[in-house]
Each structure stands twice: as structure tokens, then as C-alpha cells.
Amino acid sequence: MPITVKQSERDWIIRIDGQATLASAGELKALLLEWLAAGKNLQLDLEGAEDIDIPVMQLLWVAAREAALTGVEITCRASRAAAAALRDSGFAQVPGFPVFGEGHE
């Protein structure tokens, strides 16, 4: 899973492409912790994600929960595959989780 990050004064953009699996969850966790510490809003770009496994979904859910507690916002764009994986596993309905893939469902 290639991950790219762009940072600005106001927000971060984290883009995940390809297979989002346990193999790269450590890298994603480190980036999410750094983002939370920065206190900026996050634009999560999953439009290039082909598949997302449960450990990665759990990281995203925890990030959304922590964001809600600290007052920062997460917005998200998702591919059909990513939106379907999140919806089918119940993660898209978790309170505080960003709205995924309008028009991609």
C-alpha cells in the first residue's frame, strides 16, 4: 500500500493506494499518530484503494474517534471497493466516522 502525505498549515492529506493491509498498517499508524499530534484536519483519500482489510479499518476508526474527541475533522473520498469494504463491515456506520464515497456506493 503506497501512502503519500501532504501537509499544509490548515490540514493534512493522506492518500492510500492499492492494497491496504496489515503489512503496511504500522506505517499508517505512525502517520495517523503524527497527524493527531499536529491537531490539523485530515482529508483521507481512498480513491486509489483497491481493498482495505480489518486492521486498517480499525486504525481509521480509532483515528476518527480520536479526531472527534479533539475537535479536528476527517473528510474522506473512497473508491467503490473501499466504500463497499467499509460499508459491508459496518465501519461506515460507526459514530464519528467520516462519510464515505457519496456516489461510490
N, C-alpha and C. Protein backbone atom coordinates (compact mmCIF):
# COMPACT_ATOMS: atom_id res chain seq x y z
N MET A 1 0.85 -1.17 0.00
CA MET A 1 0.00 0.00 0.00
C MET A 1 0.89 1.23 0.00
N PRO A 2 1.00 1.88 -1.11
CA PRO A 2 1.70 3.17 -1.10
C PRO A 2 0.87 4.23 -0.36
N ILE A 3 1.53 4.95 0.53
CA ILE A 3 0.88 6.03 1.27
C ILE A 3 1.64 7.32 0.97
N THR A 4 0.90 8.35 0.61
CA THR A 4 1.52 9.66 0.43
C THR A 4 0.85 10.65 1.38
N VAL A 5 1.64 11.62 1.82
CA VAL A 5 1.15 12.62 2.76
C VAL A 5 1.51 14.00 2.24
N LYS A 6 0.55 14.90 2.29
CA LYS A 6 0.79 16.31 2.02
C LYS A 6 0.32 17.09 3.23
N GLN A 7 1.15 17.99 3.71
CA GLN A 7 0.81 18.79 4.88
C GLN A 7 0.76 20.26 4.52
N SER A 8 -0.23 20.96 5.06
CA SER A 8 -0.31 22.40 4.91
C SER A 8 -0.53 23.00 6.29
N GLU A 9 -0.62 24.31 6.34
CA GLU A 9 -0.86 24.96 7.63
C GLU A 9 -2.21 24.57 8.22
N ARG A 10 -3.18 24.29 7.36
CA ARG A 10 -4.55 24.03 7.82
C ARG A 10 -4.89 22.56 7.94
N ASP A 11 -4.35 21.71 7.05
CA ASP A 11 -4.76 20.31 7.08
C ASP A 11 -3.69 19.38 6.52
N TRP A 12 -4.00 18.11 6.63
CA TRP A 12 -3.18 17.04 6.07
C TRP A 12 -4.01 16.30 5.04
N ILE A 13 -3.35 15.76 4.04
CA ILE A 13 -3.99 14.85 3.09
C ILE A 13 -3.18 13.56 3.14
N ILE A 14 -3.85 12.47 3.48
CA ILE A 14 -3.23 11.15 3.44
C ILE A 14 -3.92 10.37 2.34
N ARG A 15 -3.13 9.91 1.37
CA ARG A 15 -3.66 9.14 0.25
C ARG A 15 -3.14 7.71 0.35
N ILE A 16 -4.06 6.76 0.24
CA ILE A 16 -3.73 5.34 0.28
C ILE A 16 -4.11 4.73 -1.06
N ASP A 17 -3.15 4.07 -1.69
CA ASP A 17 -3.39 3.41 -2.98
C ASP A 17 -3.14 1.91 -2.84
N GLY A 18 -3.79 1.14 -3.70
CA GLY A 18 -3.56 -0.30 -3.76
C GLY A 18 -4.20 -1.06 -2.62
N GLN A 19 -3.50 -2.07 -2.15
CA GLN A 19 -4.00 -2.95 -1.09
C GLN A 19 -3.64 -2.36 0.27
N ALA A 20 -4.64 -2.04 1.06
CA ALA A 20 -4.43 -1.51 2.41
C ALA A 20 -4.55 -2.69 3.37
N THR A 21 -3.40 -3.26 3.74
CA THR A 21 -3.40 -4.49 4.52
C THR A 21 -2.54 -4.37 5.79
N LEU A 22 -2.56 -5.42 6.57
CA LEU A 22 -1.80 -5.48 7.81
C LEU A 22 -0.31 -5.20 7.56
N ALA A 23 0.19 -5.57 6.42
CA ALA A 23 1.61 -5.39 6.11
C ALA A 23 2.05 -3.93 6.19
N SER A 24 1.16 -3.02 5.90
CA SER A 24 1.53 -1.60 5.94
C SER A 24 0.79 -0.83 7.03
N ALA A 25 0.12 -1.54 7.91
CA ALA A 25 -0.64 -0.89 8.98
C ALA A 25 0.26 -0.11 9.93
N GLY A 26 1.47 -0.59 10.16
CA GLY A 26 2.40 0.12 11.04
C GLY A 26 2.76 1.49 10.52
N GLU A 27 3.00 1.57 9.21
CA GLU A 27 3.31 2.86 8.59
C GLU A 27 2.12 3.81 8.69
N LEU A 28 0.92 3.29 8.43
CA LEU A 28 -0.28 4.12 8.53
C LEU A 28 -0.50 4.58 9.96
N LYS A 29 -0.31 3.70 10.92
CA LYS A 29 -0.49 4.06 12.33
C LYS A 29 0.45 5.20 12.72
N ALA A 30 1.70 5.11 12.31
CA ALA A 30 2.66 6.18 12.63
C ALA A 30 2.23 7.51 12.04
N LEU A 31 1.74 7.49 10.81
CA LEU A 31 1.29 8.73 10.16
C LEU A 31 0.05 9.30 10.85
N LEU A 32 -0.88 8.42 11.23
CA LEU A 32 -2.09 8.89 11.90
C LEU A 32 -1.77 9.49 13.27
N LEU A 33 -0.84 8.89 13.99
CA LEU A 33 -0.43 9.45 15.28
C LEU A 33 0.23 10.81 15.11
N GLU A 34 1.05 10.94 14.08
CA GLU A 34 1.70 12.22 13.80
C GLU A 34 0.67 13.27 13.43
N TRP A 35 -0.32 12.88 12.61
CA TRP A 35 -1.40 13.80 12.23
C TRP A 35 -2.20 14.25 13.45
N LEU A 36 -2.57 13.31 14.31
CA LEU A 36 -3.33 13.68 15.51
C LEU A 36 -2.54 14.63 16.40
N ALA A 37 -1.25 14.39 16.53
CA ALA A 37 -0.41 15.26 17.35
C ALA A 37 -0.33 16.67 16.76
N ALA A 38 -0.42 16.77 15.44
CA ALA A 38 -0.36 18.07 14.77
C ALA A 38 -1.65 18.87 14.98
N GLY A 39 -2.76 18.19 15.27
CA GLY A 39 -4.02 18.89 15.52
C GLY A 39 -4.65 19.53 14.30
N LYS A 40 -4.36 19.01 13.14
CA LYS A 40 -4.90 19.55 11.88
C LYS A 40 -6.06 18.69 11.39
N ASN A 41 -6.88 19.25 10.50
CA ASN A 41 -7.92 18.45 9.86
C ASN A 41 -7.27 17.49 8.88
N LEU A 42 -7.98 16.40 8.57
CA LEU A 42 -7.45 15.37 7.68
C LEU A 42 -8.38 15.16 6.50
N GLN A 43 -7.81 15.15 5.32
CA GLN A 43 -8.50 14.70 4.12
C GLN A 43 -7.94 13.32 3.81
N LEU A 44 -8.75 12.30 3.98
CA LEU A 44 -8.34 10.92 3.73
C LEU A 44 -8.77 10.55 2.32
N ASP A 45 -7.82 10.23 1.47
CA ASP A 45 -8.10 9.92 0.07
C ASP A 45 -7.90 8.42 -0.15
N LEU A 46 -9.02 7.71 -0.28
CA LEU A 46 -9.00 6.27 -0.52
C LEU A 46 -9.46 5.94 -1.93
N GLU A 47 -9.47 6.91 -2.82
CA GLU A 47 -9.95 6.66 -4.17
C GLU A 47 -9.07 5.67 -4.94
N GLY A 48 -7.81 5.57 -4.56
CA GLY A 48 -6.92 4.61 -5.21
C GLY A 48 -6.81 3.28 -4.47
N ALA A 49 -7.57 3.13 -3.39
CA ALA A 49 -7.52 1.88 -2.61
C ALA A 49 -8.34 0.80 -3.30
N GLU A 50 -7.71 -0.34 -3.51
CA GLU A 50 -8.38 -1.46 -4.16
C GLU A 50 -9.06 -2.38 -3.14
N ASP A 51 -8.49 -2.44 -1.96
CA ASP A 51 -9.02 -3.30 -0.90
C ASP A 51 -8.53 -2.77 0.44
N ILE A 52 -9.35 -2.91 1.46
CA ILE A 52 -8.97 -2.49 2.81
C ILE A 52 -9.30 -3.64 3.75
N ASP A 53 -8.31 -4.07 4.54
CA ASP A 53 -8.59 -5.15 5.47
C ASP A 53 -8.96 -4.60 6.85
N ILE A 54 -9.38 -5.49 7.71
CA ILE A 54 -9.91 -5.10 9.03
C ILE A 54 -8.90 -4.33 9.88
N PRO A 55 -7.62 -4.73 9.98
CA PRO A 55 -6.70 -3.94 10.81
C PRO A 55 -6.58 -2.48 10.35
N VAL A 56 -6.59 -2.25 9.04
CA VAL A 56 -6.52 -0.87 8.53
C VAL A 56 -7.82 -0.14 8.86
N MET A 57 -8.97 -0.82 8.72
CA MET A 57 -10.24 -0.20 9.09
C MET A 57 -10.25 0.18 10.56
N GLN A 58 -9.69 -0.68 11.40
CA GLN A 58 -9.64 -0.37 12.82
C GLN A 58 -8.79 0.86 13.10
N LEU A 59 -7.67 1.00 12.41
CA LEU A 59 -6.85 2.20 12.56
C LEU A 59 -7.61 3.45 12.16
N LEU A 60 -8.34 3.37 11.05
CA LEU A 60 -9.11 4.52 10.59
C LEU A 60 -10.23 4.86 11.56
N TRP A 61 -10.87 3.83 12.12
CA TRP A 61 -11.94 4.06 13.09
C TRP A 61 -11.40 4.74 14.35
N VAL A 62 -10.26 4.25 14.85
CA VAL A 62 -9.67 4.86 16.04
C VAL A 62 -9.27 6.30 15.76
N ALA A 63 -8.72 6.54 14.58
CA ALA A 63 -8.35 7.91 14.21
C ALA A 63 -9.58 8.81 14.19
N ALA A 64 -10.68 8.32 13.64
CA ALA A 64 -11.91 9.11 13.60
C ALA A 64 -12.44 9.37 15.00
N ARG A 65 -12.36 8.39 15.85
CA ARG A 65 -12.81 8.55 17.24
C ARG A 65 -11.96 9.59 17.96
N GLU A 66 -10.65 9.50 17.81
CA GLU A 66 -9.76 10.46 18.45
C GLU A 66 -9.95 11.87 17.88
N ALA A 67 -10.19 11.95 16.58
CA ALA A 67 -10.44 13.25 15.95
C ALA A 67 -11.68 13.90 16.56
N ALA A 68 -12.73 13.09 16.74
CA ALA A 68 -13.97 13.62 17.32
C ALA A 68 -13.73 14.13 18.74
N LEU A 69 -12.88 13.45 19.48
CA LEU A 69 -12.59 13.86 20.86
C LEU A 69 -11.76 15.14 20.92
N THR A 70 -10.92 15.35 19.92
CA THR A 70 -10.03 16.51 19.93
C THR A 70 -10.55 17.69 19.11
N GLY A 71 -11.66 17.47 18.39
CA GLY A 71 -12.26 18.57 17.64
C GLY A 71 -11.71 18.79 16.23
N VAL A 72 -10.87 17.90 15.75
CA VAL A 72 -10.42 18.02 14.36
C VAL A 72 -11.37 17.21 13.47
N GLU A 73 -11.37 17.53 12.19
CA GLU A 73 -12.30 16.88 11.26
C GLU A 73 -11.57 15.95 10.31
N ILE A 74 -12.29 14.89 9.92
CA ILE A 74 -11.81 14.00 8.86
C ILE A 74 -12.85 14.04 7.75
N THR A 75 -12.39 14.26 6.54
CA THR A 75 -13.24 14.07 5.37
C THR A 75 -12.60 12.98 4.54
N CYS A 76 -13.41 12.29 3.76
CA CYS A 76 -12.88 11.15 3.04
C CYS A 76 -13.52 10.99 1.67
N ARG A 77 -12.68 10.60 0.73
CA ARG A 77 -13.14 10.16 -0.58
C ARG A 77 -12.70 8.72 -0.72
N ALA A 78 -13.57 7.87 -1.26
CA ALA A 78 -13.24 6.45 -1.34
C ALA A 78 -13.61 5.87 -2.69
N SER A 79 -12.82 4.90 -3.12
CA SER A 79 -13.15 4.14 -4.32
C SER A 79 -14.38 3.28 -4.03
N ARG A 80 -14.97 2.74 -5.05
CA ARG A 80 -16.11 1.83 -4.84
C ARG A 80 -15.71 0.67 -3.95
N ALA A 81 -14.54 0.09 -4.22
CA ALA A 81 -14.08 -1.07 -3.44
C ALA A 81 -13.89 -0.69 -1.98
N ALA A 82 -13.26 0.45 -1.71
CA ALA A 82 -13.03 0.87 -0.33
C ALA A 82 -14.34 1.19 0.37
N ALA A 83 -15.23 1.90 -0.30
CA ALA A 83 -16.53 2.24 0.30
C ALA A 83 -17.33 0.98 0.59
N ALA A 84 -17.30 0.01 -0.34
CA ALA A 84 -18.03 -1.24 -0.14
C ALA A 84 -17.45 -2.03 1.04
N ALA A 85 -16.13 -2.09 1.14
CA ALA A 85 -15.49 -2.82 2.24
C ALA A 85 -15.86 -2.18 3.58
N LEU A 86 -15.82 -0.86 3.66
CA LEU A 86 -16.17 -0.17 4.89
C LEU A 86 -17.64 -0.33 5.23
N ARG A 87 -18.49 -0.21 4.23
CA ARG A 87 -19.93 -0.35 4.45
C ARG A 87 -20.28 -1.78 4.85
N ASP A 88 -19.75 -2.76 4.13
CA ASP A 88 -20.10 -4.16 4.38
C ASP A 88 -19.61 -4.65 5.74
N SER A 89 -18.55 -4.07 6.25
CA SER A 89 -18.03 -4.48 7.54
C SER A 89 -18.62 -3.68 8.69
N GLY A 90 -19.44 -2.69 8.38
CA GLY A 90 -20.09 -1.89 9.42
C GLY A 90 -19.31 -0.67 9.84
N PHE A 91 -18.12 -0.45 9.32
CA PHE A 91 -17.30 0.67 9.75
C PHE A 91 -17.86 2.01 9.28
N ALA A 92 -18.56 2.05 8.18
CA ALA A 92 -19.09 3.31 7.67
C ALA A 92 -20.20 3.86 8.56
N GLN A 93 -20.79 3.02 9.42
CA GLN A 93 -21.87 3.47 10.29
C GLN A 93 -21.40 3.81 11.70
N VAL A 94 -20.12 3.69 11.96
CA VAL A 94 -19.59 3.98 13.29
C VAL A 94 -19.74 5.48 13.57
N PRO A 95 -20.32 5.85 14.73
CA PRO A 95 -20.45 7.29 15.04
C PRO A 95 -19.10 7.98 15.00
N GLY A 96 -19.07 9.14 14.38
CA GLY A 96 -17.84 9.89 14.26
C GLY A 96 -16.99 9.53 13.06
N PHE A 97 -17.35 8.44 12.38
CA PHE A 97 -16.58 8.05 11.21
C PHE A 97 -17.01 8.91 10.03
N PRO A 98 -16.08 9.29 9.18
CA PRO A 98 -16.42 10.18 8.08
C PRO A 98 -17.38 9.52 7.09
N VAL A 99 -18.09 10.36 6.35
CA VAL A 99 -18.99 9.86 5.30
C VAL A 99 -18.12 9.42 4.14
N PHE A 100 -18.34 8.21 3.67
CA PHE A 100 -17.53 7.65 2.60
C PHE A 100 -18.26 7.62 1.27
N GLY A 101 -17.55 7.98 0.25
CA GLY A 101 -17.87 7.70 -1.13
C GLY A 101 -19.27 8.03 -1.60
N GLU A 102 -19.77 9.23 -1.37
CA GLU A 102 -21.05 9.59 -1.98
C GLU A 102 -20.92 9.38 -3.47
N GLY A 103 -21.87 8.64 -4.02
CA GLY A 103 -21.80 8.34 -5.45
C GLY A 103 -20.93 7.14 -5.76
N HIS A 104 -20.25 6.60 -4.74
CA HIS A 104 -19.39 5.45 -4.97
C HIS A 104 -20.00 4.19 -4.37
N GLU A 105 -21.13 4.29 -3.74
CA GLU A 105 -21.67 3.15 -3.01
C GLU A 105 -22.33 2.16 -3.89
